[in-house]
Amino acid sequence: MTAGILSSIHTPADVHALSAQQLRDLCFEIRTTLLDYGRKHGGHIGSNLGVVELTVALHRVFNSPHDRFIFDVSHQSYVHKMLTGRAEAYLDESRFGEVTGFTNPLESEHDSFVLGHTGTSISLACGLAKTRDMQRAATGESAIGNVVAIIGDGSLSSAIAFEGLNNAAEQGGNLIIIVNDNEMSIAEDFGGMYGQLAKLRASDGTAELNLFKAFGLDYRYVEQGNDVDTLVEVLNEVKGIDHPIVVHIHTTKGLGFDDGEESNNGSDGCNQTNPQPHAGKCEANHWQDPEASLGKPLDARKYYGEMAMASLERRFSNEPGLVVISPATPGSNGITRDFRERAGAHYVDTGITEEHAAAFAAGIAKAGGRPVLATSAT
């Protein structure tokens, strides 16, 4: 590895100037930096480890901020920040607090939106692309080039993501939707569409049932989603495309995270004996909280959430209609893996579907059941 590449990256133009080998070395250095940053400062580590190669490839191929990137949720934008002039905020411990955990236009012209929730990237991208196309129709030019939405498979269960896909197919024009498929949200993915995504992965993208093509969208599948050379090649092929396309890439969440280390976040479900092959299936690598390793208590939401679940569990045998509902992120609310397994039918994870979860709960209540809805809404 060539030392110090990351510290020399001040703009995306610096990424363009690297050799192919330096690009691979940069990915290794970024992954090492993320792991060190996570141990010392905390943050969303697993999600960022999974998109190292993708983000490097995006900045290699496209020209931000003329080309616009919209990271869904944007908790996986740390690498993007490193490559757009903010690397020292991850390299220098004295500067760790200089950047936020999500994209933020106040930090950089390379961040289009302040994002902290799921499913919105495609809709936002449609808006950017629509205005760009209208400007070009009127004047022949626009300050906006390619528009690229990067959305995780877990966010696809959000209703607004489907609404965005529907709009994109009708709108037409240049719009690249990258589906980062790491087979998981924070906990596992839930919902019928994930079986279809699995079939697409198993068939190298050729399965007859394809939910993206069903919308009328063009589609490409990339199995090697953590290979920077492959991603650069594919992104070069779709750059400048004149119609919406979904690029479905298969990645490993938490790639490089050593499951044998202490997770330091109080989450469960992490295989503590086998290393990297299980990283993508581990809740504990999603978020790291160094303070937990210092003997400080976990946050109140988890602490009181676990107490609430313990109280509810004692009622299951006498209340067949009692159902705990979590629209994803169960661990954030103290709903541990052990509790989920013991709860059986008394627990339902609807995926990232807050609207559906609330309506689902209303249906249970109308039928005489007792729903308990645990959300992560602020």
Protein backbone atom coordinates (compact mmCIF):
# COMPACT_ATOMS: atom_id res chain seq x y z
CA MET A 1 0.00 0.00 0.00
CA THR A 2 1.15 3.54 -0.76
CA ALA A 3 0.95 5.49 2.49
CA GLY A 4 -0.77 8.83 2.78
CA ILE A 5 -2.96 8.79 -0.34
CA LEU A 6 -6.08 9.81 1.56
CA SER A 7 -4.44 12.84 3.15
CA SER A 8 -3.53 14.05 -0.35
CA ILE A 9 -7.15 13.95 -1.57
CA HIS A 10 -8.63 17.45 -1.36
CA THR A 11 -11.10 17.37 -4.25
CA PRO A 12 -12.53 14.68 -6.55
CA ALA A 13 -10.04 15.82 -9.19
CA ASP A 14 -7.34 14.24 -7.02
CA VAL A 15 -9.16 10.90 -7.31
CA HIS A 16 -9.23 11.26 -11.10
CA ALA A 17 -5.44 11.65 -11.11
CA LEU A 18 -4.70 8.35 -9.35
CA SER A 19 -3.50 5.24 -11.12
CA ALA A 20 -5.61 2.08 -11.00
CA GLN A 21 -3.33 0.60 -8.32
CA GLN A 22 -3.45 3.79 -6.28
CA LEU A 23 -7.23 3.63 -6.47
CA ARG A 24 -7.17 0.17 -4.89
CA ASP A 25 -4.65 1.36 -2.30
CA LEU A 26 -6.90 4.31 -1.50
CA CYS A 27 -9.81 1.94 -0.80
CA PHE A 28 -7.67 -0.02 1.64
CA GLU A 29 -6.52 3.15 3.38
CA ILE A 30 -10.08 4.48 3.67
CA ARG A 31 -11.29 1.21 5.19
CA THR A 32 -8.48 1.32 7.75
CA THR A 33 -9.32 4.94 8.53
CA LEU A 34 -13.00 4.15 9.03
CA LEU A 35 -12.21 1.36 11.48
CA ASP A 36 -9.88 3.58 13.49
CA TYR A 37 -12.39 6.45 13.44
CA GLY A 38 -15.17 4.15 14.58
CA ARG A 39 -13.19 2.78 17.53
CA LYS A 40 -12.21 6.25 18.73
CA HIS A 41 -15.19 8.40 17.82
CA GLY A 42 -18.10 6.10 17.01
CA GLY A 43 -20.61 6.48 14.23
CA HIS A 44 -22.20 4.48 11.42
CA ILE A 45 -19.29 2.24 10.53
CA GLY A 46 -20.71 -0.93 8.94
CA SER A 47 -22.73 0.96 6.35
CA ASN A 48 -19.70 3.02 5.31
CA LEU A 49 -17.35 0.03 5.15
CA GLY A 50 -19.69 -1.53 2.60
CA VAL A 51 -19.60 1.41 0.17
CA VAL A 52 -15.90 2.25 0.16
CA GLU A 53 -15.29 0.97 -3.37
CA LEU A 54 -18.60 2.31 -4.67
CA THR A 55 -17.91 5.82 -3.40
CA VAL A 56 -14.35 5.86 -4.71
CA ALA A 57 -15.63 4.66 -8.09
CA LEU A 58 -18.35 7.35 -8.14
CA HIS A 59 -15.79 10.08 -7.61
CA ARG A 60 -13.44 8.48 -10.11
CA VAL A 61 -16.05 8.43 -12.89
CA PHE A 62 -18.28 11.43 -12.24
CA ASN A 63 -17.51 15.09 -11.64
CA SER A 64 -19.04 16.28 -8.39
CA PRO A 65 -20.59 18.79 -7.76
CA HIS A 66 -21.60 19.19 -11.42
CA ASP A 67 -22.77 15.60 -11.26
CA ARG A 68 -25.00 15.23 -8.21
CA PHE A 69 -24.92 12.38 -5.68
CA ILE A 70 -27.85 11.84 -3.31
CA PHE A 71 -27.02 9.32 -0.58
CA ASP A 72 -30.17 7.81 0.90
CA VAL A 73 -30.25 8.31 4.68
CA SER A 74 -26.68 9.54 4.04
CA HIS A 75 -25.28 7.73 7.07
CA GLN A 76 -23.05 6.00 4.50
CA SER A 77 -21.55 9.29 3.23
CA TYR A 78 -18.34 9.29 5.30
CA VAL A 79 -16.25 8.14 2.34
CA HIS A 80 -17.88 10.77 0.14
CA LYS A 81 -16.89 13.39 2.70
CA MET A 82 -13.32 12.12 2.80
CA LEU A 83 -13.03 12.54 -0.97
CA THR A 84 -14.52 16.04 -1.04
CA GLY A 85 -12.09 17.95 1.14
CA ARG A 86 -13.03 16.64 4.57
CA ALA A 87 -10.58 13.76 5.04
CA GLU A 88 -8.79 15.38 7.97
CA ALA A 89 -12.01 15.20 9.99
CA TYR A 90 -11.56 11.42 9.91
CA LEU A 91 -7.76 11.24 10.03
CA ASP A 92 -6.98 13.76 12.78
CA GLU A 93 -8.44 12.81 16.15
CA SER A 94 -8.48 16.46 17.25
CA ARG A 95 -10.82 17.26 14.33
CA PHE A 96 -13.25 14.34 14.61
CA GLY A 97 -16.15 16.61 15.55
CA GLU A 98 -15.83 18.90 12.53
CA VAL A 99 -18.29 17.03 10.31
CA THR A 100 -21.79 15.72 10.88
CA GLY A 101 -22.83 12.12 10.42
CA PHE A 102 -24.95 12.91 7.36
CA THR A 103 -24.61 14.97 4.19
CA ASN A 104 -24.88 18.69 4.84
CA PRO A 105 -24.76 21.53 2.27
CA LEU A 106 -23.38 23.85 4.97
CA GLU A 107 -20.24 21.69 4.99
CA SER A 108 -19.67 21.33 1.28
CA GLU A 109 -21.00 22.14 -2.17
CA HIS A 110 -20.71 18.40 -2.83
CA ASP A 111 -23.64 17.71 -0.46
CA SER A 112 -26.98 18.52 -2.08
CA PHE A 113 -29.26 17.86 0.88
CA VAL A 114 -29.35 17.43 4.64
CA LEU A 115 -30.49 13.82 4.88
CA GLY A 116 -31.23 11.66 7.86
CA HIS A 117 -34.15 9.48 6.88
CA THR A 118 -34.85 6.69 4.46
CA GLY A 119 -36.32 6.26 1.03
CA THR A 120 -36.19 9.87 -0.15
CA SER A 121 -33.15 9.80 -2.45
CA ILE A 122 -34.98 8.75 -5.62
CA SER A 123 -37.64 11.42 -5.21
CA LEU A 124 -35.00 14.07 -4.56
CA ALA A 125 -33.04 12.87 -7.58
CA CYS A 126 -36.17 13.07 -9.74
CA GLY A 127 -36.57 16.71 -8.71
CA LEU A 128 -32.97 17.59 -9.59
CA ALA A 129 -33.18 15.77 -12.91
CA LYS A 130 -36.54 17.36 -13.80
CA THR A 131 -35.21 20.88 -13.28
CA ARG A 132 -32.01 20.09 -15.18
CA ASP A 133 -33.98 18.84 -18.17
CA MET A 134 -36.27 21.87 -18.16
CA GLN A 135 -33.30 24.22 -17.99
CA ARG A 136 -31.65 22.45 -20.90
CA ALA A 137 -34.84 22.59 -22.92
CA ALA A 138 -35.08 26.34 -22.33
CA THR A 139 -31.43 27.44 -22.60
CA GLY A 140 -29.47 24.43 -23.82
CA GLU A 141 -27.47 24.10 -20.61
CA SER A 142 -27.71 23.44 -16.89
CA ALA A 143 -25.39 23.49 -13.88
CA ILE A 144 -26.52 19.93 -13.16
CA GLY A 145 -25.04 16.96 -15.02
CA ASN A 146 -25.64 13.30 -14.19
CA VAL A 147 -27.97 12.73 -11.26
CA VAL A 148 -27.15 9.67 -9.15
CA ALA A 149 -29.25 8.35 -6.26
CA ILE A 150 -27.59 5.80 -3.98
CA ILE A 151 -30.15 3.82 -1.98
CA GLY A 152 -29.66 0.78 0.26
CA ASP A 153 -31.77 -2.32 -0.10
CA GLY A 154 -33.26 -1.75 3.35
CA SER A 155 -34.61 1.64 2.29
CA LEU A 156 -36.41 0.14 -0.70
CA SER A 157 -39.24 -1.02 1.54
CA SER A 158 -40.15 2.62 2.18
CA ALA A 159 -43.29 3.62 0.32
CA ILE A 160 -41.65 6.81 -0.94
CA ALA A 161 -38.90 4.79 -2.61
CA PHE A 162 -41.50 2.98 -4.72
CA GLU A 163 -43.19 6.29 -5.46
CA GLY A 164 -39.84 7.62 -6.64
CA LEU A 165 -39.21 4.61 -8.88
CA ASN A 166 -42.67 5.04 -10.37
CA ASN A 167 -42.03 8.73 -11.08
CA ALA A 168 -38.54 8.12 -12.48
CA ALA A 169 -39.83 5.67 -15.08
CA GLU A 170 -42.46 8.13 -16.27
CA GLN A 171 -40.19 11.18 -16.17
CA GLY A 172 -37.38 9.72 -18.28
CA GLY A 173 -34.09 11.49 -18.90
CA ASN A 174 -30.72 10.92 -17.26
CA LEU A 175 -31.16 9.39 -13.81
CA ILE A 176 -28.94 6.68 -12.33
CA ILE A 177 -30.34 4.79 -9.34
CA ILE A 178 -27.75 2.68 -7.55
CA VAL A 179 -29.27 0.01 -5.32
CA ASN A 180 -26.67 -0.98 -2.74
CA ASP A 181 -27.81 -4.51 -1.91
CA ASN A 182 -26.00 -5.78 1.18
CA GLU A 183 -28.88 -8.10 2.16
CA MET A 184 -29.68 -6.14 5.30
CA SER A 185 -30.81 -2.87 6.84
CA ILE A 186 -29.60 -2.60 10.46
CA ALA A 187 -31.29 -5.86 11.34
CA GLU A 188 -32.42 -8.22 8.57
CA ASP A 189 -34.61 -7.01 5.71
CA PHE A 190 -38.28 -7.96 5.88
CA GLY A 191 -40.89 -8.00 3.11
CA GLY A 192 -41.86 -9.93 0.02
CA MET A 193 -39.67 -7.94 -2.35
CA TYR A 194 -36.48 -9.14 -0.64
CA GLY A 195 -37.09 -12.66 -1.87
CA GLN A 196 -37.12 -11.25 -5.38
CA LEU A 197 -33.87 -9.37 -4.77
CA ALA A 198 -32.34 -12.64 -3.60
CA LYS A 199 -33.43 -14.31 -6.84
CA LEU A 200 -31.85 -11.49 -8.83
CA ARG A 201 -28.60 -11.98 -6.93
CA ALA A 202 -28.70 -15.75 -7.40
CA SER A 203 -29.33 -15.40 -11.14
CA ASP A 204 -26.74 -12.67 -11.75
CA GLY A 205 -29.59 -10.27 -12.43
CA THR A 206 -31.41 -12.44 -14.97
CA ALA A 207 -34.37 -13.67 -12.90
CA GLU A 208 -37.66 -13.44 -14.78
CA LEU A 209 -39.33 -11.47 -12.01
CA ASN A 210 -37.60 -8.10 -11.77
CA LEU A 211 -39.36 -5.40 -9.77
CA PHE A 212 -37.30 -2.63 -11.40
CA LYS A 213 -38.10 -3.71 -14.94
CA ALA A 214 -41.74 -4.01 -13.87
CA PHE A 215 -41.68 -0.24 -13.38
CA GLY A 216 -40.30 0.14 -16.90
CA LEU A 217 -36.78 0.95 -15.79
CA ASP A 218 -33.55 -0.17 -17.42
CA TYR A 219 -31.52 -2.49 -15.20
CA ARG A 220 -27.98 -3.77 -14.65
CA TYR A 221 -26.69 -6.14 -12.01
CA VAL A 222 -23.15 -6.06 -10.57
CA GLU A 223 -22.16 -8.99 -8.37
CA GLN A 224 -18.71 -7.62 -7.47
CA GLY A 225 -19.97 -4.56 -5.59
CA ASN A 226 -16.79 -4.28 -3.52
CA ASP A 227 -14.42 -4.39 -6.48
CA VAL A 228 -13.44 -0.84 -7.42
CA ASP A 229 -12.19 -1.77 -10.90
CA THR A 230 -15.48 -3.45 -11.82
CA LEU A 231 -17.49 -0.52 -10.48
CA VAL A 232 -15.43 2.04 -12.39
CA GLU A 233 -16.04 0.10 -15.59
CA VAL A 234 -19.80 -0.17 -15.03
CA LEU A 235 -20.24 3.45 -13.97
CA ASN A 236 -18.31 4.63 -17.03
CA GLU A 237 -20.77 2.67 -19.17
CA VAL A 238 -23.85 4.31 -17.63
CA LYS A 239 -22.41 7.83 -17.29
CA GLY A 240 -24.35 10.23 -19.51
CA ILE A 241 -27.18 7.74 -20.10
CA ASP A 242 -30.31 9.33 -21.62
CA HIS A 243 -32.88 7.39 -19.61
CA PRO A 244 -33.37 6.16 -16.02
CA ILE A 245 -31.46 3.04 -15.07
CA VAL A 246 -31.14 0.95 -11.91
CA VAL A 247 -27.64 -0.35 -11.21
CA HIS A 248 -28.09 -3.14 -8.66
CA ILE A 249 -24.81 -3.87 -6.88
CA HIS A 250 -24.17 -6.64 -4.36
CA THR A 251 -21.97 -5.50 -1.48
CA THR A 252 -20.90 -6.71 1.97
CA LYS A 253 -21.89 -4.43 4.81
CA GLY A 254 -19.14 -4.05 7.40
CA LEU A 255 -16.46 -5.38 5.05
CA GLY A 256 -13.19 -5.36 6.99
CA PHE A 257 -14.87 -5.22 10.39
CA ASP A 258 -13.42 -7.93 12.63
CA ASP A 259 -16.36 -9.67 14.29
CA GLY A 260 -13.99 -11.04 16.87
CA GLU A 261 -13.50 -7.58 18.34
CA GLU A 262 -15.71 -6.15 21.02
CA SER A 263 -18.57 -4.37 19.24
CA ASN A 264 -18.77 -1.60 21.86
CA ASN A 265 -22.36 -0.69 21.12
CA GLY A 266 -24.53 -2.98 23.17
CA SER A 267 -26.13 -4.53 20.10
CA ASP A 268 -26.64 -8.25 19.77
CA GLY A 269 -26.64 -10.65 16.87
CA CYS A 270 -22.97 -10.43 16.00
CA ASN A 271 -21.05 -13.62 15.41
CA GLN A 272 -18.11 -13.21 17.80
CA THR A 273 -16.03 -16.14 16.59
CA ASN A 274 -16.00 -16.01 12.81
CA PRO A 275 -14.43 -13.04 11.00
CA GLN A 276 -15.31 -11.12 7.86
CA PRO A 277 -17.62 -13.50 5.96
CA HIS A 278 -20.32 -12.77 8.58
CA ALA A 279 -19.68 -9.03 8.72
CA GLY A 280 -22.58 -8.14 6.47
CA LYS A 281 -25.06 -10.00 8.67
CA CYS A 282 -23.98 -8.38 11.92
CA GLU A 283 -26.10 -5.70 13.60
CA ALA A 284 -23.23 -4.71 15.85
CA ASN A 285 -21.06 -3.35 13.05
CA HIS A 286 -23.67 -0.82 11.96
CA TRP A 287 -22.98 1.60 14.77
CA GLN A 288 -20.06 1.93 17.17
CA ASP A 289 -20.25 3.76 20.50
CA PRO A 290 -16.80 3.97 22.11
CA GLU A 291 -18.30 5.29 25.36
CA ALA A 292 -19.94 1.91 26.00
CA SER A 293 -16.50 0.34 26.30
CA LEU A 294 -15.65 2.81 29.08
CA GLY A 295 -18.38 1.43 31.33
CA LYS A 296 -20.84 4.22 30.63
CA PRO A 297 -24.51 3.22 30.35
CA LEU A 298 -26.21 2.67 27.04
CA ASP A 299 -28.55 5.37 25.80
CA ALA A 300 -31.93 5.75 27.48
CA ARG A 301 -33.93 4.62 24.46
CA LYS A 302 -32.28 1.18 24.46
CA TYR A 303 -32.26 0.88 28.24
CA TYR A 304 -35.94 1.67 28.74
CA GLY A 305 -36.86 -0.16 25.55
CA GLU A 306 -35.44 -3.39 26.95
CA MET A 307 -37.37 -2.82 30.18
CA ALA A 308 -40.58 -2.27 28.20
CA MET A 309 -40.05 -5.45 26.18
CA ALA A 310 -39.42 -7.46 29.34
CA SER A 311 -42.69 -6.19 30.77
CA LEU A 312 -44.61 -7.00 27.58
CA GLU A 313 -43.08 -10.47 27.27
CA ARG A 314 -44.61 -11.52 30.57
CA ARG A 315 -48.06 -10.83 29.09
CA PHE A 316 -47.72 -12.85 25.87
CA SER A 317 -49.14 -16.08 27.25
CA ASN A 318 -52.33 -14.38 28.46
CA GLU A 319 -52.81 -11.88 25.64
CA PRO A 320 -52.79 -13.64 22.26
CA GLY A 321 -53.52 -10.34 20.48
CA LEU A 322 -50.51 -8.48 21.89
CA VAL A 323 -48.13 -7.62 19.04
CA VAL A 324 -44.93 -5.58 19.18
CA ILE A 325 -44.33 -3.84 15.84
CA SER A 326 -41.00 -2.39 14.75
CA PRO A 327 -40.59 -0.60 11.40
CA ALA A 328 -36.93 -1.76 11.22
CA THR A 329 -34.12 -0.58 13.56
CA PRO A 330 -35.28 -2.81 16.45
CA GLY A 331 -31.99 -2.72 18.33
CA SER A 332 -32.15 1.07 18.51
CA ASN A 333 -35.23 0.71 20.70
CA GLY A 334 -33.94 -2.05 22.95
CA ILE A 335 -35.67 -4.86 21.05
CA THR A 336 -32.90 -7.42 21.29
CA ARG A 337 -32.43 -10.44 19.07
CA ASP A 338 -33.13 -12.77 21.98
CA PHE A 339 -36.43 -11.04 22.65
CA ARG A 340 -37.42 -11.25 18.98
CA GLU A 341 -36.76 -14.98 18.88
CA ARG A 342 -38.73 -15.64 22.06
CA ALA A 343 -41.62 -13.39 21.00
CA GLY A 344 -42.43 -15.42 17.89
CA ALA A 345 -45.72 -14.23 16.38
CA HIS A 346 -45.96 -11.52 19.03
CA TYR A 347 -43.25 -9.56 17.18
CA VAL A 348 -43.39 -8.18 13.63
CA ASP A 349 -40.66 -6.23 11.83
CA THR A 350 -42.32 -4.47 8.89
CA GLY A 351 -39.11 -3.07 7.45
CA ILE A 352 -38.61 0.67 7.00
CA THR A 353 -42.31 1.37 6.58
CA GLU A 354 -43.49 3.77 9.27
CA GLU A 355 -46.77 4.60 7.49
CA HIS A 356 -47.63 0.95 6.97
CA ALA A 357 -46.62 0.08 10.55
CA ALA A 358 -48.98 2.70 11.98
CA ALA A 359 -51.87 1.57 9.77
CA PHE A 360 -51.08 -2.08 10.52
CA ALA A 361 -51.25 -1.29 14.22
CA ALA A 362 -54.61 0.42 13.73
CA GLY A 363 -55.93 -2.72 12.03
CA ILE A 364 -54.78 -4.89 14.92
CA ALA A 365 -56.47 -2.56 17.41
CA LYS A 366 -59.70 -2.50 15.41
CA ALA A 367 -59.78 -6.30 15.46
CA GLY A 368 -59.45 -6.32 19.25
CA GLY A 369 -55.71 -6.88 19.52
CA ARG A 370 -53.22 -4.71 21.39
CA PRO A 371 -50.46 -3.28 19.17
CA VAL A 372 -47.29 -1.75 20.62
CA LEU A 373 -45.52 0.32 17.96
CA ALA A 374 -41.84 1.10 18.58
CA THR A 375 -40.46 3.75 16.24
CA SER A 376 -37.20 5.65 15.95
CA ALA A 377 -38.91 8.90 15.00
CA THR A 378 -37.36 12.01 16.56
